[in-house]
Amino acid sequence: QVQLVESGGGLVQAGGSLRLSCAASGSIRSINAMGWYRRAPGKQRELVAAFTSDGSINYEDSVRGRFTITRDNAANTVYLQMVSLNPEDTAIYYCHAHLMSGRNGWGIYWGRGTQVTVSS
């Protein structure tokens, strides 16, 4: 079955950097959209950055200019390079994908999340 596995989270000081990775595995035939969401304590989940179905990139306003999403299509992997982190970036970051699998067709998939904590 399809799995999305995040890695790269951790604890950093304000102003620091982290690079998140999300690898999609399984019987993947096509990825329509893939990217990152996050949920901060006491807040709703929000989109951080994502490749959309037409290949464009959407960034949440507060991360634009600080975060960069990239991808390796051959590896079904997306990355999120985060620089100039601030405590407001503290959240669980979830990988998200809309993809076609060989078993189930089109579907939405979520990773388990990786914790990013930014200390002041």
N, C-alpha and C. Protein backbone atom coordinates (compact mmCIF):
# COMPACT_ATOMS: atom_id res chain seq x y z
N GLN A 1 0.83 -1.17 0.00
CA GLN A 1 0.00 0.00 0.00
C GLN A 1 0.88 1.24 0.00
N VAL A 2 0.26 2.34 -0.34
CA VAL A 2 0.97 3.60 -0.41
C VAL A 2 1.25 4.10 0.99
N GLN A 3 2.44 4.58 1.18
CA GLN A 3 2.82 5.22 2.42
C GLN A 3 3.59 6.49 2.12
N LEU A 4 3.37 7.48 2.95
CA LEU A 4 4.15 8.69 2.92
C LEU A 4 4.92 8.76 4.23
N VAL A 5 6.21 8.86 4.13
CA VAL A 5 7.06 8.85 5.31
C VAL A 5 7.88 10.12 5.35
N GLU A 6 7.66 10.91 6.39
CA GLU A 6 8.39 12.14 6.57
C GLU A 6 9.64 11.91 7.41
N SER A 7 10.60 12.75 7.20
CA SER A 7 11.78 12.74 8.02
C SER A 7 12.39 14.13 8.01
N GLY A 8 13.27 14.36 8.94
CA GLY A 8 14.00 15.61 8.97
C GLY A 8 13.56 16.59 10.03
N GLY A 9 12.50 16.29 10.73
CA GLY A 9 12.07 17.18 11.79
C GLY A 9 13.05 17.16 12.94
N GLY A 10 12.88 18.11 13.81
CA GLY A 10 13.75 18.19 14.96
C GLY A 10 13.59 19.49 15.70
N LEU A 11 14.53 19.73 16.56
CA LEU A 11 14.54 20.93 17.39
C LEU A 11 15.66 21.84 16.92
N VAL A 12 15.31 23.06 16.63
CA VAL A 12 16.29 24.05 16.21
C VAL A 12 16.02 25.36 16.92
N GLN A 13 17.03 26.18 16.96
CA GLN A 13 16.88 27.51 17.50
C GLN A 13 16.30 28.45 16.44
N ALA A 14 15.67 29.49 16.92
CA ALA A 14 15.16 30.50 16.00
C ALA A 14 16.28 30.98 15.08
N GLY A 15 15.93 31.11 13.82
CA GLY A 15 16.91 31.48 12.82
C GLY A 15 17.59 30.30 12.17
N GLY A 16 17.35 29.13 12.69
CA GLY A 16 17.98 27.94 12.15
C GLY A 16 17.26 27.39 10.95
N SER A 17 17.74 26.25 10.50
CA SER A 17 17.23 25.64 9.29
C SER A 17 16.99 24.16 9.50
N LEU A 18 16.05 23.65 8.75
CA LEU A 18 15.78 22.23 8.69
C LEU A 18 15.37 21.88 7.27
N ARG A 19 15.63 20.66 6.92
CA ARG A 19 15.20 20.15 5.63
C ARG A 19 14.36 18.91 5.85
N LEU A 20 13.11 18.99 5.48
CA LEU A 20 12.20 17.87 5.60
C LEU A 20 12.15 17.09 4.30
N SER A 21 11.95 15.81 4.45
CA SER A 21 11.79 14.94 3.30
C SER A 21 10.52 14.14 3.46
N CYS A 22 9.90 13.85 2.36
CA CYS A 22 8.75 12.97 2.34
C CYS A 22 8.88 12.04 1.16
N ALA A 23 8.97 10.78 1.44
CA ALA A 23 9.08 9.78 0.40
C ALA A 23 7.79 8.98 0.32
N ALA A 24 7.22 8.97 -0.84
CA ALA A 24 6.04 8.16 -1.10
C ALA A 24 6.47 6.82 -1.66
N SER A 25 5.95 5.78 -1.09
CA SER A 25 6.29 4.45 -1.54
C SER A 25 5.03 3.64 -1.77
N GLY A 26 5.20 2.57 -2.49
CA GLY A 26 4.08 1.72 -2.82
C GLY A 26 3.85 1.69 -4.31
N SER A 27 2.70 1.21 -4.67
CA SER A 27 2.37 1.07 -6.08
C SER A 27 1.83 2.40 -6.61
N ILE A 28 2.74 3.32 -6.85
CA ILE A 28 2.38 4.66 -7.28
C ILE A 28 2.51 4.76 -8.79
N ARG A 29 1.45 5.19 -9.40
CA ARG A 29 1.43 5.34 -10.84
C ARG A 29 1.55 6.78 -11.28
N SER A 30 1.01 7.68 -10.49
CA SER A 30 1.05 9.08 -10.85
C SER A 30 0.79 9.91 -9.61
N ILE A 31 1.48 11.02 -9.51
CA ILE A 31 1.26 11.97 -8.42
C ILE A 31 0.68 13.24 -9.00
N ASN A 32 -0.50 13.57 -8.57
CA ASN A 32 -1.18 14.76 -9.05
C ASN A 32 -0.74 16.00 -8.29
N ALA A 33 -0.62 15.87 -6.99
CA ALA A 33 -0.20 16.98 -6.16
C ALA A 33 0.48 16.41 -4.92
N MET A 34 1.45 17.13 -4.42
CA MET A 34 2.17 16.65 -3.27
C MET A 34 2.81 17.83 -2.56
N GLY A 35 2.75 17.79 -1.25
CA GLY A 35 3.35 18.88 -0.52
C GLY A 35 3.24 18.70 0.97
N TRP A 36 3.25 19.83 1.65
CA TRP A 36 3.35 19.84 3.09
C TRP A 36 2.25 20.67 3.73
N TYR A 37 1.68 20.13 4.78
CA TYR A 37 0.80 20.84 5.67
C TYR A 37 1.43 20.85 7.06
N ARG A 38 0.90 21.67 7.92
CA ARG A 38 1.36 21.65 9.30
C ARG A 38 0.21 21.99 10.23
N ARG A 39 0.34 21.51 11.45
CA ARG A 39 -0.61 21.84 12.49
C ARG A 39 0.17 22.27 13.72
N ALA A 40 0.02 23.53 14.04
CA ALA A 40 0.63 24.07 15.24
C ALA A 40 -0.30 23.84 16.42
N PRO A 41 0.25 23.84 17.61
CA PRO A 41 -0.59 23.64 18.80
C PRO A 41 -1.72 24.65 18.87
N GLY A 42 -2.92 24.16 19.02
CA GLY A 42 -4.08 25.02 19.15
C GLY A 42 -4.55 25.66 17.86
N LYS A 43 -3.98 25.27 16.75
CA LYS A 43 -4.36 25.86 15.48
C LYS A 43 -4.80 24.80 14.50
N GLN A 44 -5.47 25.25 13.47
CA GLN A 44 -5.91 24.34 12.44
C GLN A 44 -4.76 23.98 11.51
N ARG A 45 -4.93 22.85 10.89
CA ARG A 45 -3.96 22.45 9.89
C ARG A 45 -3.99 23.43 8.72
N GLU A 46 -2.82 23.77 8.24
CA GLU A 46 -2.73 24.69 7.12
C GLU A 46 -1.72 24.18 6.11
N LEU A 47 -1.96 24.55 4.89
CA LEU A 47 -1.01 24.22 3.85
C LEU A 47 0.23 25.07 4.01
N VAL A 48 1.37 24.44 3.89
CA VAL A 48 2.64 25.14 3.97
C VAL A 48 3.19 25.40 2.58
N ALA A 49 3.33 24.35 1.83
CA ALA A 49 3.85 24.44 0.48
C ALA A 49 3.47 23.18 -0.26
N ALA A 50 3.15 23.32 -1.51
CA ALA A 50 2.77 22.14 -2.27
C ALA A 50 2.94 22.38 -3.75
N PHE A 51 3.26 21.31 -4.43
CA PHE A 51 3.16 21.28 -5.87
C PHE A 51 1.72 20.95 -6.22
N THR A 52 1.15 21.76 -7.06
CA THR A 52 -0.22 21.54 -7.48
C THR A 52 -0.26 20.66 -8.71
N SER A 53 -1.47 20.39 -9.15
CA SER A 53 -1.64 19.45 -10.25
C SER A 53 -1.02 19.94 -11.55
N ASP A 54 -0.92 21.24 -11.72
CA ASP A 54 -0.33 21.77 -12.94
C ASP A 54 1.17 22.02 -12.81
N GLY A 55 1.74 21.62 -11.68
CA GLY A 55 3.16 21.78 -11.48
C GLY A 55 3.57 23.07 -10.82
N SER A 56 2.64 23.95 -10.58
CA SER A 56 2.96 25.19 -9.90
C SER A 56 3.13 24.93 -8.41
N ILE A 57 3.62 25.91 -7.72
CA ILE A 57 3.89 25.79 -6.29
C ILE A 57 3.08 26.82 -5.53
N ASN A 58 2.45 26.36 -4.49
CA ASN A 58 1.74 27.24 -3.58
C ASN A 58 2.48 27.29 -2.25
N TYR A 59 2.64 28.48 -1.73
CA TYR A 59 3.24 28.69 -0.42
C TYR A 59 2.27 29.44 0.48
N GLU A 60 2.26 29.04 1.73
CA GLU A 60 1.56 29.83 2.71
C GLU A 60 2.30 31.16 2.86
N ASP A 61 1.57 32.22 3.07
CA ASP A 61 2.17 33.54 3.02
C ASP A 61 3.32 33.71 4.00
N SER A 62 3.17 33.15 5.19
CA SER A 62 4.18 33.38 6.21
C SER A 62 5.48 32.64 5.95
N VAL A 63 5.46 31.67 5.06
CA VAL A 63 6.68 30.92 4.78
C VAL A 63 7.29 31.29 3.44
N ARG A 64 6.57 32.00 2.64
CA ARG A 64 7.08 32.37 1.33
C ARG A 64 8.36 33.20 1.49
N GLY A 65 9.37 32.79 0.78
CA GLY A 65 10.66 33.45 0.90
C GLY A 65 11.58 32.81 1.91
N ARG A 66 11.04 31.98 2.78
CA ARG A 66 11.85 31.28 3.77
C ARG A 66 11.90 29.79 3.51
N PHE A 67 10.82 29.25 3.01
CA PHE A 67 10.74 27.82 2.74
C PHE A 67 10.78 27.59 1.24
N THR A 68 11.39 26.50 0.87
CA THR A 68 11.46 26.13 -0.53
C THR A 68 11.09 24.66 -0.67
N ILE A 69 10.10 24.40 -1.47
CA ILE A 69 9.72 23.02 -1.73
C ILE A 69 10.35 22.58 -3.04
N THR A 70 10.91 21.40 -3.02
CA THR A 70 11.49 20.80 -4.21
C THR A 70 11.02 19.37 -4.29
N ARG A 71 11.31 18.75 -5.39
CA ARG A 71 10.87 17.37 -5.56
C ARG A 71 11.84 16.60 -6.42
N ASP A 72 11.79 15.32 -6.21
CA ASP A 72 12.50 14.36 -7.03
C ASP A 72 11.44 13.40 -7.55
N ASN A 73 11.00 13.64 -8.74
CA ASN A 73 9.89 12.86 -9.28
C ASN A 73 10.23 11.38 -9.39
N ALA A 74 11.45 11.09 -9.77
CA ALA A 74 11.84 9.69 -9.92
C ALA A 74 11.78 8.94 -8.60
N ALA A 75 12.01 9.66 -7.51
CA ALA A 75 12.00 9.04 -6.19
C ALA A 75 10.68 9.24 -5.47
N ASN A 76 9.72 9.88 -6.12
CA ASN A 76 8.44 10.18 -5.48
C ASN A 76 8.64 10.85 -4.13
N THR A 77 9.50 11.82 -4.14
CA THR A 77 9.92 12.47 -2.91
C THR A 77 9.80 13.98 -3.05
N VAL A 78 9.32 14.61 -2.01
CA VAL A 78 9.34 16.06 -1.92
C VAL A 78 10.14 16.47 -0.71
N TYR A 79 10.71 17.63 -0.81
CA TYR A 79 11.53 18.19 0.25
C TYR A 79 11.00 19.56 0.62
N LEU A 80 11.27 19.93 1.83
CA LEU A 80 10.94 21.26 2.28
C LEU A 80 12.16 21.82 2.99
N GLN A 81 12.85 22.71 2.31
CA GLN A 81 13.98 23.39 2.91
C GLN A 81 13.46 24.61 3.66
N MET A 82 13.68 24.63 4.94
CA MET A 82 13.17 25.68 5.79
C MET A 82 14.35 26.44 6.37
N VAL A 83 14.37 27.72 6.15
CA VAL A 83 15.40 28.58 6.70
C VAL A 83 14.72 29.69 7.50
N SER A 84 15.52 30.38 8.28
CA SER A 84 15.02 31.48 9.10
C SER A 84 13.81 31.06 9.90
N LEU A 85 13.90 29.92 10.50
CA LEU A 85 12.79 29.40 11.28
C LEU A 85 12.53 30.27 12.50
N ASN A 86 11.28 30.38 12.83
CA ASN A 86 10.89 31.11 14.02
C ASN A 86 9.95 30.24 14.84
N PRO A 87 9.72 30.60 16.08
CA PRO A 87 8.88 29.76 16.93
C PRO A 87 7.48 29.52 16.38
N GLU A 88 6.99 30.43 15.57
CA GLU A 88 5.66 30.25 14.98
C GLU A 88 5.64 29.12 13.96
N ASP A 89 6.80 28.67 13.55
CA ASP A 89 6.87 27.54 12.65
C ASP A 89 6.76 26.21 13.38
N THR A 90 6.78 26.25 14.68
CA THR A 90 6.67 25.03 15.46
C THR A 90 5.34 24.35 15.17
N ALA A 91 5.40 23.12 14.75
CA ALA A 91 4.21 22.39 14.36
C ALA A 91 4.59 20.97 14.00
N ILE A 92 3.59 20.16 13.86
CA ILE A 92 3.78 18.88 13.22
C ILE A 92 3.58 19.09 11.73
N TYR A 93 4.55 18.69 10.97
CA TYR A 93 4.50 18.86 9.53
C TYR A 93 4.12 17.54 8.90
N TYR A 94 3.09 17.59 8.08
CA TYR A 94 2.54 16.41 7.46
C TYR A 94 2.76 16.45 5.96
N CYS A 95 3.22 15.36 5.46
CA CYS A 95 3.28 15.20 4.02
C CYS A 95 1.90 14.82 3.51
N HIS A 96 1.57 15.34 2.36
CA HIS A 96 0.26 15.13 1.76
C HIS A 96 0.44 14.87 0.27
N ALA A 97 -0.34 13.96 -0.22
CA ALA A 97 -0.28 13.68 -1.65
C ALA A 97 -1.63 13.27 -2.18
N HIS A 98 -1.88 13.68 -3.37
CA HIS A 98 -2.99 13.19 -4.17
C HIS A 98 -2.36 12.39 -5.30
N LEU A 99 -2.59 11.11 -5.28
CA LEU A 99 -1.88 10.28 -6.23
C LEU A 99 -2.70 9.11 -6.69
N MET A 100 -2.21 8.52 -7.75
CA MET A 100 -2.82 7.33 -8.31
C MET A 100 -1.98 6.14 -7.91
N SER A 101 -2.61 5.19 -7.27
CA SER A 101 -1.94 3.96 -6.93
C SER A 101 -2.46 2.83 -7.80
N GLY A 102 -1.65 1.82 -7.92
CA GLY A 102 -2.06 0.68 -8.72
C GLY A 102 -3.21 -0.09 -8.12
N ARG A 103 -3.31 -0.06 -6.81
CA ARG A 103 -4.35 -0.84 -6.13
C ARG A 103 -5.66 -0.11 -6.00
N ASN A 104 -5.61 1.18 -5.70
CA ASN A 104 -6.80 1.90 -5.28
C ASN A 104 -7.18 3.07 -6.16
N GLY A 105 -6.46 3.30 -7.20
CA GLY A 105 -6.75 4.44 -8.03
C GLY A 105 -6.35 5.75 -7.35
N TRP A 106 -7.08 6.80 -7.68
CA TRP A 106 -6.78 8.10 -7.09
C TRP A 106 -7.18 8.14 -5.62
N GLY A 107 -6.34 8.75 -4.84
CA GLY A 107 -6.64 8.89 -3.43
C GLY A 107 -5.79 9.95 -2.77
N ILE A 108 -6.22 10.34 -1.60
CA ILE A 108 -5.50 11.29 -0.76
C ILE A 108 -4.74 10.51 0.30
N TYR A 109 -3.49 10.87 0.50
CA TYR A 109 -2.66 10.20 1.47
C TYR A 109 -1.96 11.20 2.35
N TRP A 110 -1.79 10.81 3.58
CA TRP A 110 -1.12 11.64 4.57
C TRP A 110 -0.02 10.85 5.24
N GLY A 111 1.06 11.52 5.52
CA GLY A 111 2.08 10.93 6.36
C GLY A 111 1.71 11.04 7.81
N ARG A 112 2.49 10.41 8.64
CA ARG A 112 2.24 10.45 10.08
C ARG A 112 2.65 11.77 10.70
N GLY A 113 3.49 12.49 10.05
CA GLY A 113 3.93 13.78 10.55
C GLY A 113 5.31 13.72 11.16
N THR A 114 5.98 14.83 11.11
CA THR A 114 7.27 14.98 11.75
C THR A 114 7.28 16.29 12.51
N GLN A 115 7.75 16.23 13.73
CA GLN A 115 7.70 17.39 14.61
C GLN A 115 8.83 18.35 14.30
N VAL A 116 8.47 19.59 14.14
CA VAL A 116 9.43 20.68 14.04
C VAL A 116 9.21 21.60 15.22
N THR A 117 10.24 21.78 15.99
CA THR A 117 10.17 22.66 17.14
C THR A 117 11.26 23.71 17.03
N VAL A 118 10.86 24.95 17.12
CA VAL A 118 11.79 26.06 17.01
C VAL A 118 11.78 26.81 18.33
N SER A 119 12.90 26.84 18.97
CA SER A 119 13.02 27.52 20.24
C SER A 119 13.41 28.97 20.03
N SER A 120 12.97 29.81 20.94
CA SER A 120 13.24 31.22 20.83
C SER A 120 14.60 31.58 21.39
